Amino acid sequence: MPSGTVKWFNSTKGFGFIEQDGGGPDIFVHISAVERSGLGSLKDGQKVSFEVVQDKRSGKSSADQLRAL
């Protein structure tokens, strides 16, 4: 399971980005994925593990099944 650091997360807007450990593009994370994972919110600089999923329509990657590390 990939891991990374929350680059920024805006709970008012409901989204943010995770910087992957080891490089690669930043991963989009939506508030619905955070809530499904049982986390209330994310904090800038927080370490997390996650699964990368692709939207079937847009093909864009996002984080799901987040876990705080």
PDB file of N, CA and C in Angstrom:
ATOM      1  N   MET A   1       0.865  -1.176   0.000  1.00  0.00           N
ATOM      2  CA  MET A   1       0.000   0.000   0.000  1.00  0.00           C
ATOM      3  C   MET A   1       0.907   1.233   0.000  1.00  0.00           C
ATOM      4  N   PRO A   2       0.726   2.137  -0.954  1.00  0.00           N
ATOM      5  CA  PRO A   2       1.559   3.346  -1.004  1.00  0.00           C
ATOM      6  C   PRO A   2       1.353   4.217   0.235  1.00  0.00           C
ATOM      7  N   SER A   3       2.339   5.029   0.524  1.00  0.00           N
ATOM      8  CA  SER A   3       2.221   5.969   1.633  1.00  0.00           C
ATOM      9  C   SER A   3       2.720   7.329   1.184  1.00  0.00           C
ATOM     10  N   GLY A   4       2.393   8.334   1.975  1.00  0.00           N
ATOM     11  CA  GLY A   4       2.809   9.688   1.644  1.00  0.00           C
ATOM     12  C   GLY A   4       2.472  10.651   2.761  1.00  0.00           C
ATOM     13  N   THR A   5       2.656  11.930   2.444  1.00  0.00           N
ATOM     14  CA  THR A   5       2.429  13.007   3.395  1.00  0.00           C
ATOM     15  C   THR A   5       1.374  13.945   2.826  1.00  0.00           C
ATOM     16  N   VAL A   6       0.418  14.329   3.661  1.00  0.00           N
ATOM     17  CA  VAL A   6      -0.609  15.273   3.217  1.00  0.00           C
ATOM     18  C   VAL A   6       0.079  16.605   2.912  1.00  0.00           C
ATOM     19  N   LYS A   7       0.037  16.989   1.648  1.00  0.00           N
ATOM     20  CA  LYS A   7       0.650  18.249   1.218  1.00  0.00           C
ATOM     21  C   LYS A   7      -0.212  19.405   1.712  1.00  0.00           C
ATOM     22  N   TRP A   8      -1.503  19.315   1.442  1.00  0.00           N
ATOM     23  CA  TRP A   8      -2.485  20.247   1.995  1.00  0.00           C
ATOM     24  C   TRP A   8      -3.858  19.617   1.872  1.00  0.00           C
ATOM     25  N   PHE A   9      -4.738  19.995   2.806  1.00  0.00           N
ATOM     26  CA  PHE A   9      -6.117  19.530   2.784  1.00  0.00           C
ATOM     27  C   PHE A   9      -7.002  20.638   3.310  1.00  0.00           C
ATOM     28  N   ASN A  10      -8.011  21.013   2.530  1.00  0.00           N
ATOM     29  CA  ASN A  10      -8.944  22.070   2.904  1.00  0.00           C
ATOM     30  C   ASN A  10     -10.288  21.415   3.205  1.00  0.00           C
ATOM     31  N   SER A  11     -10.627  21.294   4.489  1.00  0.00           N
ATOM     32  CA  SER A  11     -11.874  20.624   4.859  1.00  0.00           C
ATOM     33  C   SER A  11     -13.102  21.420   4.439  1.00  0.00           C
ATOM     34  N   THR A  12     -12.974  22.738   4.301  1.00  0.00           N
ATOM     35  CA  THR A  12     -14.097  23.556   3.841  1.00  0.00           C
ATOM     36  C   THR A  12     -14.419  23.244   2.384  1.00  0.00           C
ATOM     37  N   LYS A  13     -13.387  23.149   1.551  1.00  0.00           N
ATOM     38  CA  LYS A  13     -13.582  22.823   0.134  1.00  0.00           C
ATOM     39  C   LYS A  13     -13.774  21.328  -0.082  1.00  0.00           C
ATOM     40  N   GLY A  14     -13.273  20.518   0.862  1.00  0.00           N
ATOM     41  CA  GLY A  14     -13.494  19.084   0.789  1.00  0.00           C
ATOM     42  C   GLY A  14     -12.486  18.305  -0.035  1.00  0.00           C
ATOM     43  N   PHE A  15     -11.284  18.842  -0.230  1.00  0.00           N
ATOM     44  CA  PHE A  15     -10.281  18.089  -0.966  1.00  0.00           C
ATOM     45  C   PHE A  15      -8.881  18.586  -0.651  1.00  0.00           C
ATOM     46  N   GLY A  16      -7.905  17.834  -1.134  1.00  0.00           N
ATOM     47  CA  GLY A  16      -6.503  18.205  -0.959  1.00  0.00           C
ATOM     48  C   GLY A  16      -5.628  17.264  -1.756  1.00  0.00           C
ATOM     49  N   PHE A  17      -4.325  17.251  -1.432  1.00  0.00           N
ATOM     50  CA  PHE A  17      -3.371  16.427  -2.169  1.00  0.00           C
ATOM     51  C   PHE A  17      -2.386  15.762  -1.223  1.00  0.00           C
ATOM     52  N   ILE A  18      -1.967  14.557  -1.606  1.00  0.00           N
ATOM     53  CA  ILE A  18      -0.975  13.787  -0.864  1.00  0.00           C
ATOM     54  C   ILE A  18       0.281  13.687  -1.721  1.00  0.00           C
ATOM     55  N   GLU A  19       1.429  14.014  -1.127  1.00  0.00           N
ATOM     56  CA  GLU A  19       2.720  13.860  -1.791  1.00  0.00           C
ATOM     57  C   GLU A  19       3.198  12.433  -1.525  1.00  0.00           C
ATOM     58  N   GLN A  20       3.429  11.668  -2.583  1.00  0.00           N
ATOM     59  CA  GLN A  20       3.817  10.269  -2.436  1.00  0.00           C
ATOM     60  C   GLN A  20       5.248  10.125  -1.936  1.00  0.00           C
ATOM     61  N   ASP A  21       5.461   9.180  -1.018  1.00  0.00           N
ATOM     62  CA  ASP A  21       6.823   8.826  -0.618  1.00  0.00           C
ATOM     63  C   ASP A  21       7.504   8.207  -1.836  1.00  0.00           C
ATOM     64  N   GLY A  22       8.727   8.584  -2.093  1.00  0.00           N
ATOM     65  CA  GLY A  22       9.452   8.018  -3.225  1.00  0.00           C
ATOM     66  C   GLY A  22       9.207   8.738  -4.537  1.00  0.00           C
ATOM     67  N   GLY A  23       8.451   9.823  -4.504  1.00  0.00           N
ATOM     68  CA  GLY A  23       8.233  10.617  -5.713  1.00  0.00           C
ATOM     69  C   GLY A  23       6.986  10.217  -6.474  1.00  0.00           C
ATOM     70  N   GLY A  24       6.827  10.809  -7.621  1.00  0.00           N
ATOM     71  CA  GLY A  24       5.637  10.596  -8.433  1.00  0.00           C
ATOM     72  C   GLY A  24       4.687  11.762  -8.275  1.00  0.00           C
ATOM     73  N   PRO A  25       3.628  11.758  -9.064  1.00  0.00           N
ATOM     74  CA  PRO A  25       2.680  12.877  -8.998  1.00  0.00           C
ATOM     75  C   PRO A  25       1.925  12.909  -7.671  1.00  0.00           C
ATOM     76  N   ASP A  26       1.542  14.111  -7.247  1.00  0.00           N
ATOM     77  CA  ASP A  26       0.700  14.249  -6.059  1.00  0.00           C
ATOM     78  C   ASP A  26      -0.644  13.586  -6.338  1.00  0.00           C
ATOM     79  N   ILE A  27      -1.234  13.005  -5.303  1.00  0.00           N
ATOM     80  CA  ILE A  27      -2.493  12.275  -5.432  1.00  0.00           C
ATOM     81  C   ILE A  27      -3.626  13.089  -4.819  1.00  0.00           C
ATOM     82  N   PHE A  28      -4.677  13.301  -5.595  1.00  0.00           N
ATOM     83  CA  PHE A  28      -5.878  14.003  -5.154  1.00  0.00           C
ATOM     84  C   PHE A  28      -6.582  13.170  -4.087  1.00  0.00           C
ATOM     85  N   VAL A  29      -7.109  13.829  -3.068  1.00  0.00           N
ATOM     86  CA  VAL A  29      -7.908  13.133  -2.056  1.00  0.00           C
ATOM     87  C   VAL A  29      -9.161  13.954  -1.766  1.00  0.00           C
ATOM     88  N   HIS A  30     -10.318  13.295  -1.825  1.00  0.00           N
ATOM     89  CA  HIS A  30     -11.611  13.947  -1.596  1.00  0.00           C
ATOM     90  C   HIS A  30     -12.101  13.621  -0.190  1.00  0.00           C
ATOM     91  N   ILE A  31     -12.861  14.531   0.390  1.00  0.00           N
ATOM     92  CA  ILE A  31     -13.387  14.363   1.750  1.00  0.00           C
ATOM     93  C   ILE A  31     -14.198  13.071   1.890  1.00  0.00           C
ATOM     94  N   SER A  32     -14.884  12.646   0.832  1.00  0.00           N
ATOM     95  CA  SER A  32     -15.677  11.413   0.921  1.00  0.00           C
ATOM     96  C   SER A  32     -14.779  10.200   1.169  1.00  0.00           C
ATOM     97  N   ALA A  33     -13.576  10.177   0.582  1.00  0.00           N
ATOM     98  CA  ALA A  33     -12.633   9.080   0.821  1.00  0.00           C
ATOM     99  C   ALA A  33     -12.119   9.130   2.256  1.00  0.00           C
ATOM    100  N   VAL A  34     -11.903  10.333   2.770  1.00  0.00           N
ATOM    101  CA  VAL A  34     -11.447  10.506   4.153  1.00  0.00           C
ATOM    102  C   VAL A  34     -12.518   9.973   5.105  1.00  0.00           C
ATOM    103  N   GLU A  35     -13.764  10.358   4.883  1.00  0.00           N
ATOM    104  CA  GLU A  35     -14.865   9.927   5.751  1.00  0.00           C
ATOM    105  C   GLU A  35     -15.114   8.423   5.650  1.00  0.00           C
ATOM    106  N   ARG A  36     -15.033   7.855   4.437  1.00  0.00           N
ATOM    107  CA  ARG A  36     -15.205   6.403   4.266  1.00  0.00           C
ATOM    108  C   ARG A  36     -14.145   5.632   5.045  1.00  0.00           C
ATOM    109  N   SER A  37     -12.984   6.234   5.194  1.00  0.00           N
ATOM    110  CA  SER A  37     -11.873   5.593   5.897  1.00  0.00           C
ATOM    111  C   SER A  37     -11.970   5.743   7.410  1.00  0.00           C
ATOM    112  N   GLY A  38     -12.990   6.462   7.884  1.00  0.00           N
ATOM    113  CA  GLY A  38     -13.181   6.636   9.317  1.00  0.00           C
ATOM    114  C   GLY A  38     -12.354   7.753   9.924  1.00  0.00           C
ATOM    115  N   LEU A  39     -11.719   8.557   9.082  1.00  0.00           N
ATOM    116  CA  LEU A  39     -10.947   9.701   9.567  1.00  0.00           C
ATOM    117  C   LEU A  39     -11.829  10.939   9.508  1.00  0.00           C
ATOM    118  N   GLY A  40     -11.734  11.797  10.500  1.00  0.00           N
ATOM    119  CA  GLY A  40     -12.548  13.008  10.512  1.00  0.00           C
ATOM    120  C   GLY A  40     -12.080  14.020   9.488  1.00  0.00           C
ATOM    121  N   SER A  41     -10.778  14.169   9.386  1.00  0.00           N
ATOM    122  CA  SER A  41     -10.169  15.118   8.458  1.00  0.00           C
ATOM    123  C   SER A  41      -8.705  14.735   8.311  1.00  0.00           C
ATOM    124  N   LEU A  42      -7.988  15.480   7.495  1.00  0.00           N
ATOM    125  CA  LEU A  42      -6.547  15.305   7.344  1.00  0.00           C
ATOM    126  C   LEU A  42      -5.863  16.605   7.718  1.00  0.00           C
ATOM    127  N   LYS A  43      -4.653  16.498   8.246  1.00  0.00           N
ATOM    128  CA  LYS A  43      -3.874  17.678   8.616  1.00  0.00           C
ATOM    129  C   LYS A  43      -2.658  17.772   7.709  1.00  0.00           C
ATOM    130  N   ASP A  44      -2.284  18.987   7.343  1.00  0.00           N
ATOM    131  CA  ASP A  44      -1.083  19.191   6.545  1.00  0.00           C
ATOM    132  C   ASP A  44       0.099  18.546   7.254  1.00  0.00           C
ATOM    133  N   GLY A  45       0.906  17.787   6.521  1.00  0.00           N
ATOM    134  CA  GLY A  45       2.071  17.127   7.091  1.00  0.00           C
ATOM    135  C   GLY A  45       1.798  15.759   7.691  1.00  0.00           C
ATOM    136  N   GLN A  46       0.531  15.341   7.739  1.00  0.00           N
ATOM    137  CA  GLN A  46       0.166  14.044   8.312  1.00  0.00           C
ATOM    138  C   GLN A  46       0.622  12.913   7.389  1.00  0.00           C
ATOM    139  N   LYS A  47       1.191  11.841   7.969  1.00  0.00           N
ATOM    140  CA  LYS A  47       1.599  10.663   7.205  1.00  0.00           C
ATOM    141  C   LYS A  47       0.403   9.729   7.073  1.00  0.00           C
ATOM    142  N   VAL A  48       0.167   9.239   5.854  1.00  0.00           N
ATOM    143  CA  VAL A  48      -0.947   8.338   5.586  1.00  0.00           C
ATOM    144  C   VAL A  48      -0.517   7.245   4.608  1.00  0.00           C
ATOM    145  N   SER A  49      -1.224   6.129   4.654  1.00  0.00           N
ATOM    146  CA  SER A  49      -1.127   5.129   3.597  1.00  0.00           C
ATOM    147  C   SER A  49      -2.467   5.159   2.870  1.00  0.00           C
ATOM    148  N   PHE A  50      -2.471   4.695   1.630  1.00  0.00           N
ATOM    149  CA  PHE A  50      -3.672   4.828   0.807  1.00  0.00           C
ATOM    150  C   PHE A  50      -3.596   3.891  -0.387  1.00  0.00           C
ATOM    151  N   GLU A  51      -4.729   3.680  -1.022  1.00  0.00           N
ATOM    152  CA  GLU A  51      -4.805   2.975  -2.300  1.00  0.00           C
ATOM    153  C   GLU A  51      -5.065   4.019  -3.375  1.00  0.00           C
ATOM    154  N   VAL A  52      -4.456   3.844  -4.531  1.00  0.00           N
ATOM    155  CA  VAL A  52      -4.690   4.747  -5.655  1.00  0.00           C
ATOM    156  C   VAL A  52      -5.761   4.116  -6.538  1.00  0.00           C
ATOM    157  N   VAL A  53      -6.828   4.867  -6.786  1.00  0.00           N
ATOM    158  CA  VAL A  53      -7.904   4.402  -7.661  1.00  0.00           C
ATOM    159  C   VAL A  53      -8.049   5.378  -8.822  1.00  0.00           C
ATOM    160  N   GLN A  54      -8.526   4.861  -9.960  1.00  0.00           N
ATOM    161  CA  GLN A  54      -8.731   5.715 -11.128  1.00  0.00           C
ATOM    162  C   GLN A  54     -10.214   5.853 -11.404  1.00  0.00           C
ATOM    163  N   ASP A  55     -10.638   7.097 -11.659  1.00  0.00           N
ATOM    164  CA  ASP A  55     -12.018   7.367 -12.036  1.00  0.00           C
ATOM    165  C   ASP A  55     -12.256   6.771 -13.422  1.00  0.00           C
ATOM    166  N   LYS A  56     -13.324   6.012 -13.571  1.00  0.00           N
ATOM    167  CA  LYS A  56     -13.598   5.342 -14.844  1.00  0.00           C
ATOM    168  C   LYS A  56     -13.900   6.319 -15.971  1.00  0.00           C
ATOM    169  N   ARG A  57     -14.537   7.428 -15.650  1.00  0.00           N
ATOM    170  CA  ARG A  57     -14.885   8.397 -16.693  1.00  0.00           C
ATOM    171  C   ARG A  57     -13.727   9.308 -17.053  1.00  0.00           C
ATOM    172  N   SER A  58     -13.093   9.894 -16.041  1.00  0.00           N
ATOM    173  CA  SER A  58     -12.049  10.888 -16.319  1.00  0.00           C
ATOM    174  C   SER A  58     -10.655  10.273 -16.422  1.00  0.00           C
ATOM    175  N   GLY A  59     -10.455   9.100 -15.823  1.00  0.00           N
ATOM    176  CA  GLY A  59      -9.137   8.480 -15.820  1.00  0.00           C
ATOM    177  C   GLY A  59      -8.185   9.077 -14.795  1.00  0.00           C
ATOM    178  N   LYS A  60      -8.664  10.036 -13.999  1.00  0.00           N
ATOM    179  CA  LYS A  60      -7.812  10.692 -13.001  1.00  0.00           C
ATOM    180  C   LYS A  60      -7.655   9.817 -11.765  1.00  0.00           C
ATOM    181  N   SER A  61      -6.469   9.890 -11.166  1.00  0.00           N
ATOM    182  CA  SER A  61      -6.163   9.113  -9.965  1.00  0.00           C
ATOM    183  C   SER A  61      -6.573   9.867  -8.712  1.00  0.00           C
ATOM    184  N   SER A  62      -6.987   9.108  -7.698  1.00  0.00           N
ATOM    185  CA  SER A  62      -7.286   9.701  -6.394  1.00  0.00           C
ATOM    186  C   SER A  62      -6.991   8.671  -5.309  1.00  0.00           C
ATOM    187  N   ALA A  63      -6.899   9.145  -4.078  1.00  0.00           N
ATOM    188  CA  ALA A  63      -6.605   8.282  -2.936  1.00  0.00           C
ATOM    189  C   ALA A  63      -7.900   7.747  -2.333  1.00  0.00           C
ATOM    190  N   ASP A  64      -7.848   6.502  -1.884  1.00  0.00           N
ATOM    191  CA  ASP A  64      -8.976   5.873  -1.200  1.00  0.00           C
ATOM    192  C   ASP A  64      -8.404   4.938  -0.135  1.00  0.00           C
ATOM    193  N   GLN A  65      -9.236   4.440   0.750  1.00  0.00           N
ATOM    194  CA  GLN A  65      -8.831   3.526   1.822  1.00  0.00           C
ATOM    195  C   GLN A  65      -7.639   4.080   2.602  1.00  0.00           C
ATOM    196  N   LEU A  66      -7.773   5.326   3.042  1.00  0.00           N
ATOM    197  CA  LEU A  66      -6.693   5.988   3.776  1.00  0.00           C
ATOM    198  C   LEU A  66      -6.543   5.428   5.179  1.00  0.00           C
ATOM    199  N   ARG A  67      -5.293   5.422   5.659  1.00  0.00           N
ATOM    200  CA  ARG A  67      -4.991   5.042   7.039  1.00  0.00           C
ATOM    201  C   ARG A  67      -3.930   5.989   7.565  1.00  0.00           C
ATOM    202  N   ALA A  68      -4.156   6.500   8.758  1.00  0.00           N
ATOM    203  CA  ALA A  68      -3.149   7.358   9.391  1.00  0.00           C
ATOM    204  C   ALA A  68      -1.980   6.488   9.836  1.00  0.00           C
ATOM    205  N   LEU A  69      -0.773   7.001   9.658  1.00  0.00           N
ATOM    206  CA  LEU A  69       0.432   6.264  10.083  1.00  0.00           C
ATOM    207  C   LEU A  69       1.042   6.900  11.308  1.00  0.00           C
TER     208      LEU A  69
END
